[in-house]
């Protein structure tokens, strides 16, 4: 087992340059784009995000948290904050971050609340999993690190936090990369049923709505999250070592309560923290994102909405591009790190 506080950097700049050279060139900066299908034999095999490692972790007190994070690249470079989802961790960006650092970006990859070495500063702070809490955590982290403005990029829970910050605090966001588009949760809309096939992909959300599900996550957290990896990314042939490295982050004492609260809150089965009521009221009105944005969809992600990004296009009113990645599932940055890094680079040019 690798000690996540001491594992070393094993990524060379030559490999970084070679990887970026392989990114599909000539992507247009407006309208909708679709990537080429994965080359023969690429699906189901180990991808570049599987084997590399980060440098030592850092900790910083930010808001209600002591945040664990890694930082790569020059301290005076343009800031990029990469945000992971559930059930993943910072290693979703283990191949993306060095690519961006080699291009001169200051790259920060934090553990979200409830993951890895991130801890609450006080036992009395509610273990709140609503969307506004995660967005507020990002603002607090930026303040703690002296980052006035950054490119935000994320997927799943992290993508939702990035979209919220971009929508409500655009003065803090240079540009945005969002996997899955406009991820802001509207709890009123969430009461409406989805087509059965889509509902099936959300099986764990309904499982977590029960006490049985909470106990199941606590008892079988590694088995359950590994199952989610396989169903969310059906073409990604990750190995056991890759999963185990990330699964260590789920041993955080707040992982289970935050997971349960997050999914119950979405279904209006849990109350939010009154401290975030004003933010949630603003989000309920569906604020648009005005900063330059690239949205990404994994073509085999079970949560990708139909229509090649059309379902959320009107929520992005600034400079915009959309890309669909063929043969890629939910964990886009780890399944397709070069394409994700290129999106960050390109959105900065917008």
Protein backbone atom coordinates (compact mmCIF):
# COMPACT_ATOMS: atom_id res chain seq x y z
CA UNK A 1 0.00 0.00 0.00
CA UNK A 2 1.40 3.40 -0.95
CA UNK A 3 1.62 6.00 1.83
CA UNK A 4 -0.28 8.87 0.22
CA UNK A 5 1.73 11.43 2.22
CA UNK A 6 5.05 10.29 0.80
CA UNK A 7 4.58 8.77 -2.63
CA UNK A 8 6.79 10.39 -5.25
CA UNK A 9 6.38 11.97 -8.64
CA UNK A 10 7.03 9.58 -11.52
CA UNK A 11 5.99 11.70 -14.49
CA UNK A 12 8.61 13.16 -16.83
CA UNK A 13 8.18 16.20 -19.01
CA UNK A 14 9.07 14.16 -22.07
CA UNK A 15 6.15 11.82 -21.45
CA UNK A 16 3.92 14.82 -20.84
CA UNK A 17 4.86 16.38 -24.15
CA UNK A 18 4.34 13.11 -25.97
CA UNK A 19 0.88 12.69 -24.48
CA UNK A 20 -0.23 16.19 -25.42
CA UNK A 21 1.07 15.69 -28.94
CA UNK A 22 -1.39 12.83 -29.28
CA UNK A 23 -4.40 15.01 -28.55
CA UNK A 24 -6.67 15.52 -31.52
CA UNK A 25 -5.79 18.90 -33.01
CA UNK A 26 -7.85 21.54 -34.69
CA UNK A 27 -10.79 21.63 -32.26
CA UNK A 28 -13.03 24.55 -33.10
CA UNK A 29 -13.72 27.08 -30.38
CA UNK A 30 -17.45 27.48 -30.94
CA UNK A 31 -20.49 25.33 -31.44
CA UNK A 32 -20.54 21.57 -30.84
CA UNK A 33 -17.70 19.13 -31.39
CA UNK A 34 -17.47 15.35 -31.29
CA UNK A 35 -14.28 13.38 -30.80
CA UNK A 36 -13.20 10.53 -33.02
CA UNK A 37 -13.97 6.99 -31.83
CA UNK A 38 -11.30 5.32 -29.71
CA UNK A 39 -8.74 3.46 -31.85
CA UNK A 40 -9.09 -0.30 -32.22
CA UNK A 41 -8.01 -2.11 -29.09
CA UNK A 42 -8.06 1.03 -26.92
CA UNK A 43 -11.31 0.27 -25.14
CA UNK A 44 -11.14 -1.78 -21.99
CA UNK A 45 -7.36 -1.44 -21.67
CA UNK A 46 -5.29 0.37 -19.09
CA UNK A 47 -5.30 4.09 -19.82
CA UNK A 48 -2.69 6.77 -19.01
CA UNK A 49 -4.48 7.74 -15.79
CA UNK A 50 -3.92 4.35 -14.21
CA UNK A 51 -0.26 4.19 -13.25
CA UNK A 52 1.23 7.59 -12.38
CA UNK A 53 1.51 9.10 -8.88
CA UNK A 54 1.35 12.56 -7.34
CA UNK A 55 3.93 14.20 -5.12
CA UNK A 56 3.43 14.70 -1.37
CA UNK A 57 0.15 16.01 -0.03
CA UNK A 58 -0.27 19.45 1.49
CA UNK A 59 -2.83 20.65 4.04
CA UNK A 60 -4.43 24.07 4.45
CA UNK A 61 -7.17 25.38 6.71
CA UNK A 62 -9.94 26.78 4.52
CA UNK A 63 -13.36 27.73 5.85
CA UNK A 64 -14.72 24.87 7.97
CA UNK A 65 -12.16 22.38 6.64
CA UNK A 66 -8.53 21.34 6.85
CA UNK A 67 -8.14 20.53 3.16
CA UNK A 68 -5.75 17.94 1.77
CA UNK A 69 -4.50 18.75 -1.71
CA UNK A 70 -1.68 18.36 -4.19
CA UNK A 71 -0.13 21.21 -6.13
CA UNK A 72 1.92 21.03 -9.31
CA UNK A 73 3.48 23.60 -11.62
CA UNK A 74 4.91 27.08 -11.07
CA UNK A 75 3.47 29.04 -8.14
CA UNK A 76 3.10 32.12 -10.35
CA UNK A 77 1.36 30.32 -13.22
CA UNK A 78 -2.31 30.77 -14.09
CA UNK A 79 -4.31 28.78 -11.55
CA UNK A 80 -6.31 25.67 -12.40
CA UNK A 81 -8.38 23.84 -9.77
CA UNK A 82 -9.38 20.27 -10.63
CA UNK A 83 -12.36 18.83 -8.74
CA UNK A 84 -13.19 15.13 -8.41
CA UNK A 85 -16.55 13.43 -8.00
CA UNK A 86 -18.19 10.53 -6.14
CA UNK A 87 -16.92 7.86 -5.68
CA UNK A 88 -13.53 9.05 -6.88
CA UNK A 89 -10.67 11.15 -5.52
CA UNK A 90 -7.74 13.33 -6.56
CA UNK A 91 -6.28 10.46 -8.62
CA UNK A 92 -8.87 11.11 -11.30
CA UNK A 93 -6.39 13.85 -12.26
CA UNK A 94 -3.14 11.96 -11.72
CA UNK A 95 -2.32 12.13 -15.44
CA UNK A 96 -4.09 15.43 -16.18
CA UNK A 97 -2.29 17.57 -13.60
CA UNK A 98 1.28 16.94 -14.89
CA UNK A 99 0.17 17.76 -18.44
CA UNK A 100 -1.11 21.15 -17.30
CA UNK A 101 1.85 21.82 -15.02
CA UNK A 102 4.19 21.23 -17.96
CA UNK A 103 2.32 23.98 -19.80
CA UNK A 104 3.00 26.45 -17.00
CA UNK A 105 -0.23 26.21 -15.02
CA UNK A 106 -0.40 26.24 -11.23
CA UNK A 107 -2.51 23.13 -10.70
CA UNK A 108 -4.36 22.49 -7.43
CA UNK A 109 -6.21 19.21 -6.86
CA UNK A 110 -8.07 19.07 -3.51
CA UNK A 111 -9.85 16.28 -1.72
CA UNK A 112 -13.48 17.31 -1.35
CA UNK A 113 -15.11 17.26 2.08
CA UNK A 114 -15.44 13.65 3.21
CA UNK A 115 -12.47 12.32 1.20
CA UNK A 116 -8.83 11.54 1.86
CA UNK A 117 -7.05 13.78 4.34
CA UNK A 118 -9.65 16.58 4.25
CA UNK A 119 -11.19 16.95 7.70
CA UNK A 120 -13.66 19.25 9.42
CA UNK A 121 -12.01 21.63 11.86
CA UNK A 122 -14.81 21.21 14.39
CA UNK A 123 -16.77 18.16 15.49
CA UNK A 124 -19.85 20.38 15.79
CA UNK A 125 -19.93 21.39 12.12
CA UNK A 126 -22.84 19.63 10.38
CA UNK A 127 -21.68 16.98 7.92
CA UNK A 128 -23.69 18.66 5.21
CA UNK A 129 -23.60 17.24 1.69
CA UNK A 130 -25.74 19.78 -0.17
CA UNK A 131 -24.35 21.35 -3.33
CA UNK A 132 -23.86 24.85 -1.90
CA UNK A 133 -21.52 23.52 0.78
CA UNK A 134 -19.09 22.12 -1.77
CA UNK A 135 -19.13 25.35 -3.78
CA UNK A 136 -18.46 27.39 -0.66
CA UNK A 137 -15.55 25.06 0.13
CA UNK A 138 -13.95 25.95 -3.21
CA UNK A 139 -14.21 29.67 -2.55
CA UNK A 140 -12.69 29.16 0.91
CA UNK A 141 -9.84 27.11 -0.57
CA UNK A 142 -9.08 29.78 -3.16
CA UNK A 143 -8.98 32.41 -0.42
CA UNK A 144 -6.70 30.27 1.74
CA UNK A 145 -4.26 29.70 -1.14
CA UNK A 146 -4.32 33.31 -2.29
CA UNK A 147 -5.94 32.46 -5.62
CA UNK A 148 -8.04 35.38 -6.81
CA UNK A 149 -9.17 33.75 -10.04
CA UNK A 150 -8.82 30.27 -11.55
CA UNK A 151 -9.92 27.95 -14.28
CA UNK A 152 -12.25 25.45 -12.64
CA UNK A 153 -12.61 21.96 -14.12
CA UNK A 154 -14.50 19.01 -12.73
CA UNK A 155 -16.95 16.16 -13.06
CA UNK A 156 -19.75 14.72 -10.96
CA UNK A 157 -19.80 16.37 -7.49
CA UNK A 158 -16.72 18.41 -8.38
CA UNK A 159 -18.22 19.51 -11.67
CA UNK A 160 -21.35 20.65 -9.87
CA UNK A 161 -19.30 22.74 -7.44
CA UNK A 162 -17.34 24.26 -10.34
CA UNK A 163 -20.51 25.20 -12.24
CA UNK A 164 -22.03 26.78 -9.13
CA UNK A 165 -18.95 28.91 -8.44
CA UNK A 166 -18.84 29.99 -12.09
CA UNK A 167 -22.54 30.91 -12.05
CA UNK A 168 -22.65 32.75 -8.71
CA UNK A 169 -19.09 34.13 -8.43
CA UNK A 170 -17.92 34.66 -12.03
CA UNK A 171 -15.34 37.22 -10.87
CA UNK A 172 -13.43 34.29 -9.31
CA UNK A 173 -13.48 32.10 -12.43
CA UNK A 174 -11.31 32.56 -15.51
CA UNK A 175 -13.05 29.76 -17.41
CA UNK A 176 -14.86 26.48 -16.83
CA UNK A 177 -14.60 22.86 -17.98
CA UNK A 178 -17.63 20.81 -16.94
CA UNK A 179 -18.21 17.14 -17.63
CA UNK A 180 -21.94 16.65 -18.06
CA UNK A 181 -22.74 20.30 -18.62
CA UNK A 182 -25.02 22.26 -16.29
CA UNK A 183 -25.01 20.15 -13.13
CA UNK A 184 -26.84 22.43 -10.71
CA UNK A 185 -29.45 20.41 -8.80
CA UNK A 186 -33.01 21.74 -8.78
CA UNK A 187 -34.78 19.81 -6.04
CA UNK A 188 -38.23 20.63 -7.39
CA UNK A 189 -37.33 19.25 -10.81
CA UNK A 190 -35.67 16.25 -9.15
CA UNK A 191 -39.09 15.12 -7.94
CA UNK A 192 -40.07 14.24 -11.50
CA UNK A 193 -39.35 10.64 -12.62
CA UNK A 194 -36.84 9.94 -15.35
CA UNK A 195 -37.06 7.26 -18.08
CA UNK A 196 -36.58 3.80 -16.50
CA UNK A 197 -33.16 3.18 -18.06
CA UNK A 198 -31.87 6.45 -16.63
CA UNK A 199 -33.41 5.71 -13.24
CA UNK A 200 -31.61 2.36 -13.24
CA UNK A 201 -28.25 4.13 -13.43
CA UNK A 202 -29.17 5.98 -10.22
CA UNK A 203 -29.79 2.78 -8.25
CA UNK A 204 -27.44 3.76 -5.43
CA UNK A 205 -29.19 7.09 -4.92
CA UNK A 206 -32.37 5.25 -3.99
CA UNK A 207 -30.44 2.65 -1.98
CA UNK A 208 -28.91 5.45 0.07
CA UNK A 209 -32.37 6.83 0.82
CA UNK A 210 -32.85 3.88 3.20
CA UNK A 211 -31.19 2.99 6.48
CA UNK A 212 -30.30 -0.34 4.89
CA UNK A 213 -28.40 1.56 2.20
CA UNK A 214 -26.49 3.61 4.74
CA UNK A 215 -25.41 0.45 6.52
CA UNK A 216 -24.58 -1.16 3.20
CA UNK A 217 -22.31 1.70 2.18
CA UNK A 218 -20.59 1.63 5.56
CA UNK A 219 -20.06 -2.14 5.52
CA UNK A 220 -19.30 -2.64 1.83
CA UNK A 221 -17.98 0.76 0.79
CA UNK A 222 -15.15 -0.65 -1.34
CA UNK A 223 -17.28 -3.32 -3.04
CA UNK A 224 -20.10 -0.85 -3.66
CA UNK A 225 -17.93 1.93 -5.04
CA UNK A 226 -16.01 -0.49 -7.27
CA UNK A 227 -19.33 -1.65 -8.71
CA UNK A 228 -20.23 1.98 -9.42
CA UNK A 229 -16.91 2.43 -11.23
CA UNK A 230 -17.65 -0.51 -13.52
CA UNK A 231 -21.22 0.52 -14.31
CA UNK A 232 -20.40 4.21 -14.78
CA UNK A 233 -17.40 3.51 -17.01
CA UNK A 234 -18.16 0.27 -18.85
CA UNK A 235 -15.20 0.55 -21.26
CA UNK A 236 -12.53 1.57 -18.75
CA UNK A 237 -10.32 -1.39 -17.92
CA UNK A 238 -8.92 -0.13 -14.62
CA UNK A 239 -6.89 -2.57 -12.54
CA UNK A 240 -7.23 -3.39 -8.84
CA UNK A 241 -4.26 -1.25 -7.84
CA UNK A 242 -5.82 1.80 -9.48
CA UNK A 243 -9.06 1.30 -7.60
CA UNK A 244 -7.41 0.53 -4.24
CA UNK A 245 -5.31 3.69 -4.47
CA UNK A 246 -8.47 5.79 -4.72
CA UNK A 247 -10.54 3.68 -2.31
CA UNK A 248 -8.20 4.68 0.51
CA UNK A 249 -9.82 8.11 0.31
CA UNK A 250 -13.18 6.58 1.25
CA UNK A 251 -11.88 5.59 4.68
CA UNK A 252 -12.39 9.21 5.74
CA UNK A 253 -14.76 9.21 8.78
CA UNK A 254 -17.08 11.67 7.03
CA UNK A 255 -17.34 9.79 3.73
CA UNK A 256 -20.46 7.80 4.61
CA UNK A 257 -22.46 10.56 6.35
CA UNK A 258 -21.68 13.07 3.60
CA UNK A 259 -22.55 10.61 0.84
CA UNK A 260 -25.87 9.76 2.44
CA UNK A 261 -26.71 13.41 3.11
CA UNK A 262 -25.83 14.44 -0.43
CA UNK A 263 -28.11 11.95 -2.15
CA UNK A 264 -30.94 12.32 0.36
CA UNK A 265 -30.77 16.11 0.07
CA UNK A 266 -31.18 15.88 -3.71
CA UNK A 267 -34.42 13.94 -3.24
CA UNK A 268 -35.64 16.37 -0.55
CA UNK A 269 -35.25 13.64 2.08
CA UNK A 270 -32.77 15.70 4.11
CA UNK A 271 -32.82 19.34 5.13
CA UNK A 272 -30.04 21.68 4.12
CA UNK A 273 -27.89 23.77 6.42
CA UNK A 274 -29.54 27.20 7.01
CA UNK A 275 -26.14 28.82 6.41
CA UNK A 276 -26.48 27.93 2.73
CA UNK A 277 -30.16 28.85 2.33
CA UNK A 278 -29.50 32.06 0.39
CA UNK A 279 -27.14 30.30 -2.01
CA UNK A 280 -29.62 27.48 -2.59
CA UNK A 281 -32.40 30.01 -3.24
CA UNK A 282 -30.26 31.60 -5.95
CA UNK A 283 -29.44 28.21 -7.45
CA UNK A 284 -33.11 27.24 -7.54
CA UNK A 285 -33.62 30.06 -10.05
CA UNK A 286 -31.20 28.39 -12.47
CA UNK A 287 -28.50 31.06 -12.89
CA UNK A 288 -26.63 31.01 -16.19
CA UNK A 289 -22.87 30.67 -16.59
CA UNK A 290 -21.30 33.65 -18.32
CA UNK A 291 -17.61 32.68 -18.21
CA UNK A 292 -15.95 30.88 -21.17
CA UNK A 293 -16.90 27.20 -20.96
CA UNK A 294 -16.15 23.87 -22.59
CA UNK A 295 -18.53 21.05 -21.71
CA UNK A 296 -17.51 17.41 -22.12
CA UNK A 297 -19.64 14.29 -22.32
CA UNK A 298 -18.46 10.71 -22.16
CA UNK A 299 -20.43 8.91 -24.86
CA UNK A 300 -20.84 5.74 -22.77
CA UNK A 301 -21.46 7.55 -19.49
CA UNK A 302 -24.93 6.37 -18.36
CA UNK A 303 -25.68 9.89 -17.09
CA UNK A 304 -24.89 11.69 -20.34
CA UNK A 305 -28.09 13.41 -21.50
CA UNK A 306 -29.17 12.88 -25.12
CA UNK A 307 -28.75 15.58 -27.72
CA UNK A 308 -24.98 16.17 -27.76
CA UNK A 309 -25.14 18.90 -25.13
CA UNK A 310 -28.30 20.55 -26.45
CA UNK A 311 -30.25 19.96 -23.24
CA UNK A 312 -28.12 22.43 -21.30
CA UNK A 313 -26.77 24.69 -24.06
CA UNK A 314 -28.87 27.71 -23.07
CA UNK A 315 -27.34 27.73 -19.58
CA UNK A 316 -23.97 28.86 -20.95
CA UNK A 317 -24.17 32.38 -22.36
CA UNK A 318 -20.47 33.17 -22.75
CA UNK A 319 -17.96 31.77 -25.24
CA UNK A 320 -18.67 28.06 -25.47
CA UNK A 321 -17.73 24.74 -27.03
CA UNK A 322 -18.96 21.18 -26.50
CA UNK A 323 -17.11 17.90 -27.04
CA UNK A 324 -18.38 14.34 -26.89
CA UNK A 325 -15.71 11.73 -26.21
CA UNK A 326 -16.46 8.43 -27.89
CA UNK A 327 -15.79 5.25 -25.92
CA UNK A 328 -15.40 7.19 -22.65
CA UNK A 329 -17.52 6.82 -19.51
CA UNK A 330 -18.18 8.89 -16.40
CA UNK A 331 -14.65 9.40 -15.03
CA UNK A 332 -13.56 11.45 -18.02
CA UNK A 333 -10.28 12.91 -16.70
CA UNK A 334 -8.90 9.50 -15.73
CA UNK A 335 -10.25 7.67 -18.77
CA UNK A 336 -9.21 10.36 -21.27
CA UNK A 337 -6.60 12.56 -19.52
CA UNK A 338 -5.09 14.08 -22.64
CA UNK A 339 -8.49 15.16 -23.97
CA UNK A 340 -9.44 16.61 -20.59
CA UNK A 341 -6.16 18.52 -20.28
CA UNK A 342 -6.58 19.85 -23.80
CA UNK A 343 -10.04 21.14 -22.91
CA UNK A 344 -8.54 23.07 -19.98
CA UNK A 345 -5.86 24.55 -22.21
CA UNK A 346 -8.36 25.44 -24.92
CA UNK A 347 -10.91 27.01 -22.59
CA UNK A 348 -8.17 29.28 -21.22
CA UNK A 349 -7.64 30.55 -24.77
CA UNK A 350 -11.34 31.38 -25.08
